[in-house]
């Protein structure tokens, strides 16, 4: 089982949207079973899931203290991917969640304030020695600031090539418990999510391949 943690110090960066969309896209791509875990006290991901008609991906409830045991139980049950949404705050609890990750995805809006705040999340991933990458979200088409944000983030780590643009369909699809891959499977937003999932999968696979190479030496 792989564990993907969506983390960012800044609120409003789109963590819940990214978590839901990646999980659904993974199920549709046949990567499942996929389980969502909501560790944000606001419960936005749980609220979204409770309005959803489809039964997949599943939602697992747990406390932060019980998270390691829950992940182990999910692995034994045959879950292929666990996607964990986190609260927008840098606390010891978030550090504990990141320690459970196989990969950390850091959503970041292309704004100076968001870019200045991203360092704290990066520090947590590095302290836990977890691979991570940035995902630019809520980008404006053709905006110079988006290009500048990608360049700035690249100095600190890998940036996902799939940029998530600021479109109404992302928010609209979340209202009734769906995602853009379900409401418009052939749309531009759906293509962005599918590309982002492919990137995350490739990063996780590369980590596994690298580990195997080290073991053979």
N, C-alpha and C. Protein backbone atom coordinates (compact mmCIF):
# COMPACT_ATOMS: atom_id res chain seq x y z
N UNK A 1 0.83 -1.19 0.00
CA UNK A 1 0.00 0.00 0.00
C UNK A 1 0.87 1.25 0.00
N UNK A 2 0.46 2.24 -0.77
CA UNK A 2 1.13 3.52 -0.78
C UNK A 2 0.30 4.55 -0.01
N UNK A 3 0.99 5.45 0.68
CA UNK A 3 0.31 6.49 1.44
C UNK A 3 0.73 7.86 0.92
N UNK A 4 -0.26 8.60 0.43
CA UNK A 4 -0.03 9.94 -0.10
C UNK A 4 -0.59 10.96 0.89
N UNK A 5 0.26 11.86 1.36
CA UNK A 5 -0.18 12.92 2.29
C UNK A 5 -0.23 14.24 1.54
N UNK A 6 -1.36 14.92 1.64
CA UNK A 6 -1.53 16.25 1.05
C UNK A 6 -1.35 17.26 2.17
N UNK A 7 -0.31 18.08 2.10
CA UNK A 7 0.01 18.97 3.22
C UNK A 7 0.40 20.35 2.74
N UNK A 8 -0.02 21.36 3.49
CA UNK A 8 0.36 22.74 3.21
C UNK A 8 0.01 23.59 4.42
N UNK A 9 0.92 24.48 4.79
CA UNK A 9 0.64 25.34 5.93
C UNK A 9 -0.49 26.32 5.63
N UNK A 10 -0.56 26.75 4.38
CA UNK A 10 -1.53 27.77 4.01
C UNK A 10 -2.91 27.18 3.81
N UNK A 11 -3.91 27.80 4.43
CA UNK A 11 -5.28 27.43 4.16
C UNK A 11 -5.69 27.95 2.78
N UNK A 12 -6.62 27.28 2.16
CA UNK A 12 -7.11 27.73 0.86
C UNK A 12 -6.27 27.32 -0.32
N UNK A 13 -5.26 26.48 -0.07
CA UNK A 13 -4.38 26.06 -1.17
C UNK A 13 -5.00 24.94 -2.00
N UNK A 14 -6.10 24.37 -1.52
CA UNK A 14 -6.79 23.34 -2.29
C UNK A 14 -6.46 21.92 -1.87
N UNK A 15 -6.04 21.72 -0.62
CA UNK A 15 -5.67 20.37 -0.16
C UNK A 15 -6.83 19.39 -0.29
N UNK A 16 -8.00 19.78 0.20
CA UNK A 16 -9.14 18.87 0.18
C UNK A 16 -9.57 18.56 -1.25
N UNK A 17 -9.59 19.57 -2.09
CA UNK A 17 -9.95 19.36 -3.50
C UNK A 17 -8.98 18.41 -4.17
N UNK A 18 -7.70 18.61 -3.94
CA UNK A 18 -6.68 17.74 -4.55
C UNK A 18 -6.80 16.31 -4.01
N UNK A 19 -7.01 16.16 -2.71
CA UNK A 19 -7.13 14.83 -2.11
C UNK A 19 -8.30 14.07 -2.72
N UNK A 20 -9.46 14.71 -2.79
CA UNK A 20 -10.65 14.06 -3.33
C UNK A 20 -10.46 13.71 -4.80
N UNK A 21 -9.92 14.64 -5.57
CA UNK A 21 -9.76 14.42 -7.01
C UNK A 21 -8.75 13.31 -7.32
N UNK A 22 -7.64 13.30 -6.61
CA UNK A 22 -6.64 12.25 -6.85
C UNK A 22 -7.21 10.88 -6.48
N UNK A 23 -7.92 10.81 -5.36
CA UNK A 23 -8.48 9.53 -4.92
C UNK A 23 -9.49 8.99 -5.93
N UNK A 24 -10.38 9.83 -6.40
CA UNK A 24 -11.38 9.40 -7.38
C UNK A 24 -10.71 9.01 -8.70
N UNK A 25 -9.76 9.82 -9.13
CA UNK A 25 -9.05 9.52 -10.38
C UNK A 25 -8.32 8.18 -10.29
N UNK A 26 -7.75 7.89 -9.13
CA UNK A 26 -7.04 6.63 -8.92
C UNK A 26 -8.01 5.45 -9.02
N UNK A 27 -9.18 5.59 -8.40
CA UNK A 27 -10.19 4.53 -8.49
C UNK A 27 -10.61 4.31 -9.94
N UNK A 28 -10.87 5.39 -10.66
CA UNK A 28 -11.31 5.29 -12.05
C UNK A 28 -10.22 4.70 -12.94
N UNK A 29 -8.95 4.88 -12.53
CA UNK A 29 -7.83 4.35 -13.32
C UNK A 29 -7.51 2.90 -12.95
N UNK A 30 -8.26 2.34 -12.01
CA UNK A 30 -8.05 0.96 -11.62
C UNK A 30 -6.92 0.75 -10.64
N UNK A 31 -6.51 1.82 -9.95
CA UNK A 31 -5.41 1.73 -8.99
C UNK A 31 -5.90 1.27 -7.62
N UNK A 32 -7.20 1.28 -7.40
CA UNK A 32 -7.76 0.99 -6.09
C UNK A 32 -7.58 -0.44 -5.62
N UNK A 33 -8.12 -0.76 -4.46
CA UNK A 33 -8.97 0.10 -3.63
C UNK A 33 -8.22 1.32 -3.06
N UNK A 34 -8.93 2.45 -3.04
CA UNK A 34 -8.39 3.70 -2.51
C UNK A 34 -9.19 4.10 -1.29
N UNK A 35 -8.50 4.59 -0.27
CA UNK A 35 -9.17 5.05 0.95
C UNK A 35 -8.74 6.48 1.25
N UNK A 36 -9.70 7.32 1.57
CA UNK A 36 -9.44 8.69 2.00
C UNK A 36 -9.41 8.75 3.52
N UNK A 37 -8.51 9.55 4.06
CA UNK A 37 -8.44 9.77 5.51
C UNK A 37 -8.41 11.27 5.77
N UNK A 38 -9.36 11.74 6.56
CA UNK A 38 -9.48 13.17 6.85
C UNK A 38 -8.94 13.46 8.25
N UNK A 39 -7.79 14.15 8.32
CA UNK A 39 -7.23 14.50 9.63
C UNK A 39 -7.42 15.99 9.95
N UNK A 40 -8.19 16.69 9.10
CA UNK A 40 -8.47 18.11 9.32
C UNK A 40 -9.69 18.24 10.22
N UNK A 41 -9.55 18.91 11.38
CA UNK A 41 -10.70 19.07 12.28
C UNK A 41 -11.91 19.73 11.63
N UNK A 42 -11.70 20.51 10.58
CA UNK A 42 -12.81 21.15 9.89
C UNK A 42 -13.69 20.11 9.18
N UNK A 43 -13.10 18.97 8.84
CA UNK A 43 -13.88 17.88 8.27
C UNK A 43 -14.42 18.12 6.88
N UNK A 44 -13.77 18.97 6.10
CA UNK A 44 -14.29 19.29 4.76
C UNK A 44 -14.31 18.07 3.85
N UNK A 45 -13.28 17.25 3.93
CA UNK A 45 -13.22 16.06 3.09
C UNK A 45 -14.33 15.08 3.48
N UNK A 46 -14.55 14.91 4.77
CA UNK A 46 -15.62 14.03 5.24
C UNK A 46 -16.98 14.54 4.81
N UNK A 47 -17.17 15.87 4.88
CA UNK A 47 -18.45 16.47 4.45
C UNK A 47 -18.68 16.20 2.96
N UNK A 48 -17.62 16.34 2.16
CA UNK A 48 -17.73 16.06 0.72
C UNK A 48 -18.11 14.60 0.50
N UNK A 49 -17.42 13.70 1.20
CA UNK A 49 -17.65 12.27 1.01
C UNK A 49 -19.07 11.88 1.41
N UNK A 50 -19.60 12.52 2.45
CA UNK A 50 -20.94 12.19 2.93
C UNK A 50 -22.05 12.61 1.97
N UNK A 51 -21.74 13.53 1.04
CA UNK A 51 -22.72 13.92 0.03
C UNK A 51 -22.57 13.10 -1.25
N UNK A 52 -21.59 12.23 -1.27
CA UNK A 52 -21.26 11.46 -2.46
C UNK A 52 -22.14 10.22 -2.59
N UNK A 53 -22.65 9.96 -3.80
CA UNK A 53 -23.47 8.78 -4.05
C UNK A 53 -22.62 7.53 -4.23
N UNK A 54 -21.50 7.67 -4.93
CA UNK A 54 -20.63 6.52 -5.16
C UNK A 54 -20.00 6.05 -3.85
N UNK A 55 -19.75 4.76 -3.75
CA UNK A 55 -19.18 4.19 -2.52
C UNK A 55 -17.66 4.17 -2.54
N UNK A 56 -17.08 4.48 -3.68
CA UNK A 56 -15.61 4.52 -3.78
C UNK A 56 -15.18 5.91 -4.22
N UNK A 57 -14.03 6.37 -3.74
CA UNK A 57 -13.16 5.73 -2.75
C UNK A 57 -13.82 5.72 -1.37
N UNK A 58 -13.35 4.81 -0.53
CA UNK A 58 -13.90 4.72 0.82
C UNK A 58 -13.32 5.83 1.70
N UNK A 59 -13.98 6.08 2.81
CA UNK A 59 -13.49 7.04 3.80
C UNK A 59 -13.24 6.29 5.10
N UNK A 60 -12.03 6.38 5.63
CA UNK A 60 -11.68 5.72 6.89
C UNK A 60 -11.61 6.77 8.00
N UNK A 61 -12.22 6.46 9.13
CA UNK A 61 -12.16 7.37 10.28
C UNK A 61 -11.08 6.89 11.24
N UNK A 62 -10.37 7.83 11.81
CA UNK A 62 -9.32 7.50 12.76
C UNK A 62 -8.90 8.75 13.51
N UNK A 63 -8.24 8.57 14.62
CA UNK A 63 -7.63 9.68 15.32
C UNK A 63 -6.16 9.74 14.89
N UNK A 64 -5.53 10.87 15.14
CA UNK A 64 -4.12 11.00 14.77
C UNK A 64 -3.27 9.99 15.53
N UNK A 65 -3.63 9.73 16.78
CA UNK A 65 -2.86 8.78 17.58
C UNK A 65 -2.97 7.36 17.02
N UNK A 66 -4.12 7.05 16.43
CA UNK A 66 -4.36 5.71 15.93
C UNK A 66 -4.01 5.56 14.44
N UNK A 67 -3.51 6.63 13.82
CA UNK A 67 -3.26 6.60 12.38
C UNK A 67 -2.32 5.49 11.95
N UNK A 68 -1.17 5.30 12.61
CA UNK A 68 -0.28 4.21 12.18
C UNK A 68 -0.96 2.84 12.18
N UNK A 69 -1.74 2.57 13.23
CA UNK A 69 -2.44 1.29 13.31
C UNK A 69 -3.51 1.19 12.23
N UNK A 70 -4.19 2.29 11.96
CA UNK A 70 -5.23 2.29 10.92
C UNK A 70 -4.62 2.02 9.55
N UNK A 71 -3.49 2.64 9.26
CA UNK A 71 -2.83 2.42 7.98
C UNK A 71 -2.37 0.97 7.84
N UNK A 72 -1.88 0.41 8.93
CA UNK A 72 -1.46 -1.00 8.90
C UNK A 72 -2.67 -1.90 8.62
N UNK A 73 -3.79 -1.60 9.25
CA UNK A 73 -5.00 -2.40 9.05
C UNK A 73 -5.49 -2.29 7.61
N UNK A 74 -5.40 -1.09 7.05
CA UNK A 74 -5.82 -0.90 5.65
C UNK A 74 -4.93 -1.67 4.71
N UNK A 75 -3.64 -1.70 4.99
CA UNK A 75 -2.70 -2.45 4.16
C UNK A 75 -3.04 -3.94 4.20
N UNK A 76 -3.30 -4.46 5.40
CA UNK A 76 -3.66 -5.87 5.55
C UNK A 76 -4.95 -6.17 4.79
N UNK A 77 -5.85 -5.19 4.76
CA UNK A 77 -7.15 -5.37 4.09
C UNK A 77 -7.04 -5.31 2.57
N UNK A 78 -5.85 -4.96 2.07
CA UNK A 78 -5.66 -4.95 0.62
C UNK A 78 -5.83 -3.61 -0.05
N UNK A 79 -5.86 -2.53 0.72
CA UNK A 79 -5.97 -1.19 0.13
C UNK A 79 -4.69 -0.88 -0.64
N UNK A 80 -4.84 -0.30 -1.83
CA UNK A 80 -3.69 0.01 -2.67
C UNK A 80 -3.14 1.41 -2.42
N UNK A 81 -4.03 2.36 -2.12
CA UNK A 81 -3.61 3.75 -1.94
C UNK A 81 -4.42 4.42 -0.85
N UNK A 82 -3.73 5.04 0.11
CA UNK A 82 -4.38 5.85 1.14
C UNK A 82 -4.01 7.31 0.88
N UNK A 83 -5.02 8.16 0.81
CA UNK A 83 -4.81 9.59 0.56
C UNK A 83 -5.24 10.34 1.81
N UNK A 84 -4.31 11.06 2.42
CA UNK A 84 -4.57 11.72 3.70
C UNK A 84 -4.61 13.24 3.53
N UNK A 85 -5.73 13.85 3.91
CA UNK A 85 -5.88 15.29 3.93
C UNK A 85 -5.48 15.80 5.32
N UNK A 86 -4.77 16.93 5.37
CA UNK A 86 -4.27 17.45 6.64
C UNK A 86 -4.77 18.87 6.89
N UNK A 87 -4.77 19.32 8.13
CA UNK A 87 -5.21 20.68 8.44
C UNK A 87 -4.16 21.71 8.04
N UNK A 88 -4.59 22.96 7.82
CA UNK A 88 -3.66 24.03 7.42
C UNK A 88 -2.95 24.64 8.61
N UNK A 89 -2.14 23.86 9.29
CA UNK A 89 -1.39 24.38 10.44
C UNK A 89 -0.16 23.51 10.64
N UNK A 90 0.91 24.13 11.08
CA UNK A 90 2.13 23.39 11.34
C UNK A 90 2.17 23.02 12.82
N UNK A 91 1.85 21.78 13.11
CA UNK A 91 1.84 21.31 14.48
C UNK A 91 2.57 19.98 14.54
N UNK A 92 2.82 19.51 15.74
CA UNK A 92 3.47 18.22 15.90
C UNK A 92 2.61 17.10 15.31
N UNK A 93 1.28 17.31 15.36
CA UNK A 93 0.37 16.31 14.80
C UNK A 93 0.60 16.14 13.30
N UNK A 94 0.83 17.26 12.60
CA UNK A 94 1.07 17.19 11.16
C UNK A 94 2.39 16.48 10.89
N UNK A 95 3.37 16.73 11.72
CA UNK A 95 4.65 16.03 11.57
C UNK A 95 4.45 14.52 11.68
N UNK A 96 3.58 14.11 12.60
CA UNK A 96 3.32 12.69 12.78
C UNK A 96 2.62 12.08 11.57
N UNK A 97 1.73 12.86 10.93
CA UNK A 97 1.06 12.38 9.72
C UNK A 97 2.07 12.22 8.59
N UNK A 98 2.92 13.21 8.41
CA UNK A 98 3.91 13.18 7.34
C UNK A 98 4.86 11.98 7.52
N UNK A 99 5.13 11.62 8.74
CA UNK A 99 6.02 10.47 8.99
C UNK A 99 5.44 9.16 8.44
N UNK A 100 4.13 9.14 8.22
CA UNK A 100 3.48 7.93 7.70
C UNK A 100 3.45 7.91 6.17
N UNK A 101 3.93 8.96 5.54
CA UNK A 101 3.78 9.11 4.09
C UNK A 101 4.83 8.33 3.30
N UNK A 102 4.42 7.85 2.15
CA UNK A 102 5.36 7.39 1.13
C UNK A 102 5.75 8.56 0.24
N UNK A 103 4.80 9.52 0.13
CA UNK A 103 5.06 10.69 -0.69
C UNK A 103 4.20 11.84 -0.17
N UNK A 104 4.75 13.06 -0.20
CA UNK A 104 4.04 14.24 0.27
C UNK A 104 3.82 15.20 -0.91
N UNK A 105 2.59 15.57 -1.14
CA UNK A 105 2.26 16.53 -2.19
C UNK A 105 1.87 17.84 -1.52
N UNK A 106 2.52 18.94 -1.94
CA UNK A 106 2.31 20.25 -1.31
C UNK A 106 1.62 21.20 -2.29
N UNK A 107 0.29 21.36 -2.17
CA UNK A 107 -0.42 22.31 -3.04
C UNK A 107 -0.02 23.73 -2.68
N UNK A 108 0.22 24.54 -3.70
CA UNK A 108 0.67 25.91 -3.48
C UNK A 108 0.06 26.84 -4.51
N UNK A 109 -0.61 27.88 -4.05
CA UNK A 109 -1.14 28.88 -4.98
C UNK A 109 0.00 29.77 -5.46
N UNK A 110 -0.07 30.26 -6.69
CA UNK A 110 1.00 31.12 -7.22
C UNK A 110 0.86 32.56 -6.72
N UNK A 111 1.03 32.75 -5.43
CA UNK A 111 0.98 34.08 -4.84
C UNK A 111 2.20 34.27 -3.96
N UNK A 112 2.72 35.47 -3.85
CA UNK A 112 3.91 35.71 -3.02
C UNK A 112 3.75 35.23 -1.59
N UNK A 113 2.56 35.43 -1.00
CA UNK A 113 2.34 35.04 0.38
C UNK A 113 2.41 33.52 0.54
N UNK A 114 1.81 32.81 -0.42
CA UNK A 114 1.83 31.34 -0.36
C UNK A 114 3.25 30.82 -0.56
N UNK A 115 3.98 31.43 -1.47
CA UNK A 115 5.34 30.98 -1.74
C UNK A 115 6.25 31.19 -0.54
N UNK A 116 6.03 32.30 0.19
CA UNK A 116 6.84 32.56 1.38
C UNK A 116 6.54 31.56 2.49
N UNK A 117 5.31 31.06 2.53
CA UNK A 117 4.90 30.17 3.62
C UNK A 117 5.25 28.72 3.37
N UNK A 118 5.61 28.37 2.14
CA UNK A 118 5.77 26.96 1.79
C UNK A 118 6.98 26.31 2.48
N UNK A 119 7.94 27.12 2.89
CA UNK A 119 9.16 26.58 3.48
C UNK A 119 8.92 25.74 4.72
N UNK A 120 7.91 26.09 5.52
CA UNK A 120 7.63 25.35 6.75
C UNK A 120 7.19 23.92 6.44
N UNK A 121 6.36 23.78 5.40
CA UNK A 121 5.91 22.44 5.02
C UNK A 121 7.07 21.63 4.46
N UNK A 122 7.92 22.27 3.68
CA UNK A 122 9.10 21.60 3.14
C UNK A 122 10.00 21.10 4.26
N UNK A 123 10.17 21.92 5.29
CA UNK A 123 11.01 21.53 6.43
C UNK A 123 10.48 20.27 7.10
N UNK A 124 9.16 20.16 7.22
CA UNK A 124 8.56 18.99 7.86
C UNK A 124 8.85 17.74 7.03
N UNK A 125 8.66 17.84 5.71
CA UNK A 125 8.92 16.69 4.83
C UNK A 125 10.39 16.28 4.88
N UNK A 126 11.28 17.27 4.88
CA UNK A 126 12.71 16.97 4.90
C UNK A 126 13.13 16.39 6.25
N UNK A 127 12.58 16.94 7.32
CA UNK A 127 12.91 16.41 8.65
C UNK A 127 12.50 14.94 8.78
N UNK A 128 11.37 14.60 8.14
CA UNK A 128 10.88 13.23 8.18
C UNK A 128 11.53 12.36 7.11
N UNK A 129 12.39 12.98 6.28
CA UNK A 129 13.08 12.29 5.20
C UNK A 129 12.09 11.63 4.24
N UNK A 130 11.06 12.40 3.89
CA UNK A 130 10.04 11.92 2.97
C UNK A 130 10.15 12.66 1.63
N UNK A 131 10.02 11.94 0.52
CA UNK A 131 10.04 12.60 -0.78
C UNK A 131 8.80 13.48 -0.93
N UNK A 132 8.96 14.61 -1.59
CA UNK A 132 7.83 15.54 -1.74
C UNK A 132 7.91 16.25 -3.08
N UNK A 133 6.81 16.85 -3.45
CA UNK A 133 6.77 17.68 -4.65
C UNK A 133 5.69 18.74 -4.47
N UNK A 134 5.84 19.82 -5.21
CA UNK A 134 4.86 20.90 -5.18
C UNK A 134 3.83 20.71 -6.29
N UNK A 135 2.63 21.16 -6.03
CA UNK A 135 1.59 21.18 -7.05
C UNK A 135 1.00 22.60 -7.07
N UNK A 136 1.19 23.30 -8.18
CA UNK A 136 0.66 24.66 -8.30
C UNK A 136 -0.84 24.58 -8.53
N UNK A 137 -1.60 25.25 -7.68
CA UNK A 137 -3.06 25.20 -7.76
C UNK A 137 -3.65 26.59 -7.97
N UNK A 138 -4.91 26.61 -8.44
CA UNK A 138 -5.66 27.86 -8.61
C UNK A 138 -4.90 28.87 -9.48
N UNK A 139 -4.22 28.36 -10.48
CA UNK A 139 -3.44 29.21 -11.37
C UNK A 139 -4.34 29.89 -12.41
N UNK A 140 -3.97 31.09 -12.77
CA UNK A 140 -4.69 31.82 -13.81
C UNK A 140 -4.02 31.52 -15.16
N UNK A 141 -4.80 31.18 -16.18
CA UNK A 141 -4.22 30.90 -17.50
C UNK A 141 -3.41 32.08 -18.02
N UNK A 142 -2.26 31.78 -18.56
CA UNK A 142 -1.34 32.75 -19.18
C UNK A 142 -0.78 33.78 -18.20
N UNK A 143 -1.00 33.61 -16.91
CA UNK A 143 -0.50 34.57 -15.93
C UNK A 143 1.00 34.39 -15.73
N UNK A 144 1.74 35.51 -15.78
CA UNK A 144 3.18 35.46 -15.60
C UNK A 144 3.54 34.96 -14.21
N UNK A 145 2.69 35.25 -13.23
CA UNK A 145 2.97 34.86 -11.85
C UNK A 145 3.04 33.34 -11.71
N UNK A 146 2.27 32.62 -12.53
CA UNK A 146 2.31 31.16 -12.47
C UNK A 146 3.69 30.64 -12.88
N UNK A 147 4.22 31.20 -13.95
CA UNK A 147 5.56 30.81 -14.42
C UNK A 147 6.60 31.15 -13.36
N UNK A 148 6.47 32.32 -12.75
CA UNK A 148 7.41 32.74 -11.73
C UNK A 148 7.32 31.82 -10.50
N UNK A 149 6.10 31.39 -10.17
CA UNK A 149 5.90 30.50 -9.02
C UNK A 149 6.58 29.16 -9.27
N UNK A 150 6.41 28.61 -10.47
CA UNK A 150 7.04 27.34 -10.80
C UNK A 150 8.56 27.46 -10.69
N UNK A 151 9.10 28.56 -11.18
CA UNK A 151 10.55 28.77 -11.12
C UNK A 151 11.02 28.88 -9.67
N UNK A 152 10.27 29.61 -8.85
CA UNK A 152 10.66 29.79 -7.45
C UNK A 152 10.59 28.46 -6.68
N UNK A 153 9.55 27.69 -6.92
CA UNK A 153 9.39 26.41 -6.24
C UNK A 153 10.44 25.40 -6.68
N UNK A 154 10.84 25.48 -7.94
CA UNK A 154 11.83 24.54 -8.48
C UNK A 154 13.16 24.64 -7.75
N UNK A 155 13.42 25.80 -7.14
CA UNK A 155 14.67 25.97 -6.40
C UNK A 155 14.67 25.18 -5.10
N UNK A 156 13.49 24.73 -4.68
CA UNK A 156 13.37 24.03 -3.40
C UNK A 156 12.96 22.57 -3.54
N UNK A 157 12.57 22.16 -4.74
CA UNK A 157 12.16 20.78 -4.93
C UNK A 157 11.47 20.57 -6.27
N UNK A 158 10.98 19.38 -6.49
CA UNK A 158 10.30 19.03 -7.73
C UNK A 158 8.92 19.68 -7.78
N UNK A 159 8.55 20.16 -8.97
CA UNK A 159 7.23 20.74 -9.18
C UNK A 159 6.46 19.85 -10.16
N UNK A 160 5.27 19.46 -9.81
CA UNK A 160 4.46 18.63 -10.70
C UNK A 160 4.21 19.38 -12.01
N UNK A 161 4.43 18.74 -13.15
CA UNK A 161 4.23 19.42 -14.43
C UNK A 161 2.78 19.76 -14.71
N UNK A 162 1.86 19.08 -14.04
CA UNK A 162 0.44 19.36 -14.22
C UNK A 162 0.02 20.49 -13.29
N UNK A 163 -0.29 21.64 -13.87
CA UNK A 163 -0.72 22.81 -13.09
C UNK A 163 -2.25 22.80 -13.00
N UNK A 164 -2.76 22.96 -11.80
CA UNK A 164 -4.21 22.97 -11.58
C UNK A 164 -4.71 24.41 -11.70
N UNK A 165 -5.50 24.66 -12.73
CA UNK A 165 -5.95 26.03 -12.99
C UNK A 165 -7.23 26.38 -12.22
N UNK A 166 -7.45 27.66 -12.09
CA UNK A 166 -8.58 28.19 -11.34
C UNK A 166 -9.83 28.16 -12.24
N UNK A 167 -10.59 27.06 -12.14
CA UNK A 167 -11.79 26.91 -12.95
C UNK A 167 -12.98 26.62 -12.04
N UNK A 168 -14.15 27.08 -12.48
CA UNK A 168 -15.37 26.91 -11.69
C UNK A 168 -15.73 25.45 -11.53
N UNK A 169 -15.39 24.61 -12.53
CA UNK A 169 -15.84 23.22 -12.47
C UNK A 169 -15.24 22.45 -11.29
N UNK A 170 -14.08 22.86 -10.80
CA UNK A 170 -13.51 22.18 -9.62
C UNK A 170 -14.43 22.35 -8.41
N UNK A 171 -14.81 23.58 -8.14
CA UNK A 171 -15.69 23.84 -6.99
C UNK A 171 -17.09 23.30 -7.22
N UNK A 172 -17.59 23.44 -8.44
CA UNK A 172 -18.95 22.99 -8.76
C UNK A 172 -19.10 21.48 -8.59
N UNK A 173 -18.09 20.74 -9.00
CA UNK A 173 -18.17 19.28 -8.90
C UNK A 173 -18.14 18.81 -7.45
N UNK A 174 -17.45 19.57 -6.59
CA UNK A 174 -17.32 19.17 -5.19
C UNK A 174 -18.61 19.38 -4.39
N UNK A 175 -19.52 20.18 -4.92
CA UNK A 175 -20.74 20.50 -4.19
C UNK A 175 -21.58 19.26 -3.92
N UNK A 176 -21.66 18.35 -4.90
CA UNK A 176 -22.51 17.18 -4.74
C UNK A 176 -21.71 15.88 -4.60
N UNK A 177 -20.47 16.01 -4.11
CA UNK A 177 -19.69 14.82 -3.82
C UNK A 177 -19.06 14.17 -5.03
N UNK A 178 -18.83 14.94 -6.08
CA UNK A 178 -18.18 14.39 -7.26
C UNK A 178 -16.88 15.15 -7.54
N UNK A 179 -16.23 14.78 -8.63
CA UNK A 179 -15.01 15.46 -9.06
C UNK A 179 -15.10 15.71 -10.55
N UNK A 180 -14.16 16.49 -11.07
CA UNK A 180 -14.21 16.84 -12.50
C UNK A 180 -14.01 15.63 -13.40
N UNK A 181 -13.34 14.60 -12.90
CA UNK A 181 -13.17 13.40 -13.72
C UNK A 181 -14.48 12.64 -13.89
N UNK A 182 -15.46 12.97 -13.04
CA UNK A 182 -16.78 12.35 -13.14
C UNK A 182 -17.77 13.25 -13.85
N UNK A 183 -17.69 14.55 -13.64
CA UNK A 183 -18.65 15.47 -14.26
C UNK A 183 -18.30 15.79 -15.70
N UNK A 184 -17.02 15.76 -16.05
CA UNK A 184 -16.59 16.04 -17.42
C UNK A 184 -15.27 15.32 -17.68
N UNK A 185 -15.37 14.03 -17.96
CA UNK A 185 -14.19 13.18 -18.07
C UNK A 185 -13.23 13.61 -19.17
N UNK A 186 -13.73 14.33 -20.18
CA UNK A 186 -12.88 14.73 -21.30
C UNK A 186 -12.48 16.21 -21.25
N UNK A 187 -12.81 16.88 -20.14
CA UNK A 187 -12.52 18.30 -20.02
C UNK A 187 -11.07 18.58 -19.66
N UNK A 188 -10.70 19.85 -19.71
CA UNK A 188 -9.31 20.25 -19.41
C UNK A 188 -8.97 20.01 -17.95
N UNK A 189 -9.92 20.24 -17.05
CA UNK A 189 -9.65 20.03 -15.63
C UNK A 189 -9.42 18.55 -15.34
N UNK A 190 -10.22 17.71 -15.98
CA UNK A 190 -10.04 16.26 -15.81
C UNK A 190 -8.67 15.83 -16.29
N UNK A 191 -8.22 16.39 -17.40
CA UNK A 191 -6.90 16.05 -17.93
C UNK A 191 -5.80 16.46 -16.95
N UNK A 192 -5.98 17.61 -16.29
CA UNK A 192 -5.00 18.06 -15.30
C UNK A 192 -4.88 17.07 -14.15
N UNK A 193 -6.02 16.62 -13.66
CA UNK A 193 -6.03 15.68 -12.53
C UNK A 193 -5.41 14.35 -12.93
N UNK A 194 -5.75 13.86 -14.10
CA UNK A 194 -5.18 12.59 -14.56
C UNK A 194 -3.67 12.70 -14.70
N UNK A 195 -3.20 13.83 -15.22
CA UNK A 195 -1.75 14.05 -15.35
C UNK A 195 -1.09 14.13 -13.99
N UNK A 196 -1.76 14.78 -13.04
CA UNK A 196 -1.21 14.89 -11.69
C UNK A 196 -1.11 13.52 -11.03
N UNK A 197 -2.14 12.70 -11.21
CA UNK A 197 -2.11 11.34 -10.67
C UNK A 197 -0.97 10.54 -11.29
N UNK A 198 -0.77 10.67 -12.59
CA UNK A 198 0.32 9.95 -13.26
C UNK A 198 1.67 10.37 -12.70
N UNK A 199 1.81 11.68 -12.44
CA UNK A 199 3.05 12.19 -11.87
C UNK A 199 3.29 11.60 -10.48
N UNK A 200 2.28 11.62 -9.63
CA UNK A 200 2.41 11.09 -8.27
C UNK A 200 2.74 9.61 -8.31
N UNK A 201 2.07 8.87 -9.16
CA UNK A 201 2.33 7.44 -9.28
C UNK A 201 3.77 7.19 -9.72
N UNK A 202 4.23 7.99 -10.68
CA UNK A 202 5.60 7.83 -11.17
C UNK A 202 6.62 8.13 -10.08
N UNK A 203 6.35 9.15 -9.27
CA UNK A 203 7.25 9.50 -8.18
C UNK A 203 7.32 8.38 -7.14
N UNK A 204 6.19 7.79 -6.83
CA UNK A 204 6.16 6.69 -5.87
C UNK A 204 6.88 5.47 -6.44
N UNK A 205 6.70 5.21 -7.71
CA UNK A 205 7.35 4.08 -8.36
C UNK A 205 8.86 4.29 -8.41
N UNK A 206 9.28 5.51 -8.68
CA UNK A 206 10.71 5.82 -8.75
C UNK A 206 11.36 5.62 -7.39
N UNK A 207 10.67 6.01 -6.32
CA UNK A 207 11.18 5.81 -4.97
C UNK A 207 11.38 4.33 -4.69
N UNK A 208 10.38 3.52 -5.11
CA UNK A 208 10.45 2.08 -4.88
C UNK A 208 11.60 1.47 -5.67
N UNK A 209 11.75 1.92 -6.94
CA UNK A 209 12.80 1.38 -7.79
C UNK A 209 14.17 1.73 -7.24
N UNK A 210 14.32 2.96 -6.76
CA UNK A 210 15.59 3.39 -6.20
C UNK A 210 15.95 2.57 -4.96
N UNK A 211 14.94 2.29 -4.13
CA UNK A 211 15.16 1.50 -2.92
C UNK A 211 15.65 0.10 -3.27
N UNK A 212 15.06 -0.50 -4.31
CA UNK A 212 15.45 -1.83 -4.72
C UNK A 212 16.89 -1.84 -5.23
N UNK A 213 17.27 -0.78 -5.93
CA UNK A 213 18.64 -0.69 -6.43
C UNK A 213 19.63 -0.64 -5.27
N UNK A 214 19.28 0.13 -4.25
CA UNK A 214 20.17 0.26 -3.09
C UNK A 214 20.30 -1.08 -2.38
N UNK A 215 19.20 -1.84 -2.31
CA UNK A 215 19.25 -3.12 -1.62
C UNK A 215 20.12 -4.13 -2.35
N UNK A 216 20.24 -3.97 -3.68
CA UNK A 216 21.00 -4.94 -4.47
C UNK A 216 22.48 -4.66 -4.47
N UNK A 217 22.86 -3.48 -3.98
CA UNK A 217 24.28 -3.11 -3.97
C UNK A 217 24.99 -3.80 -2.81
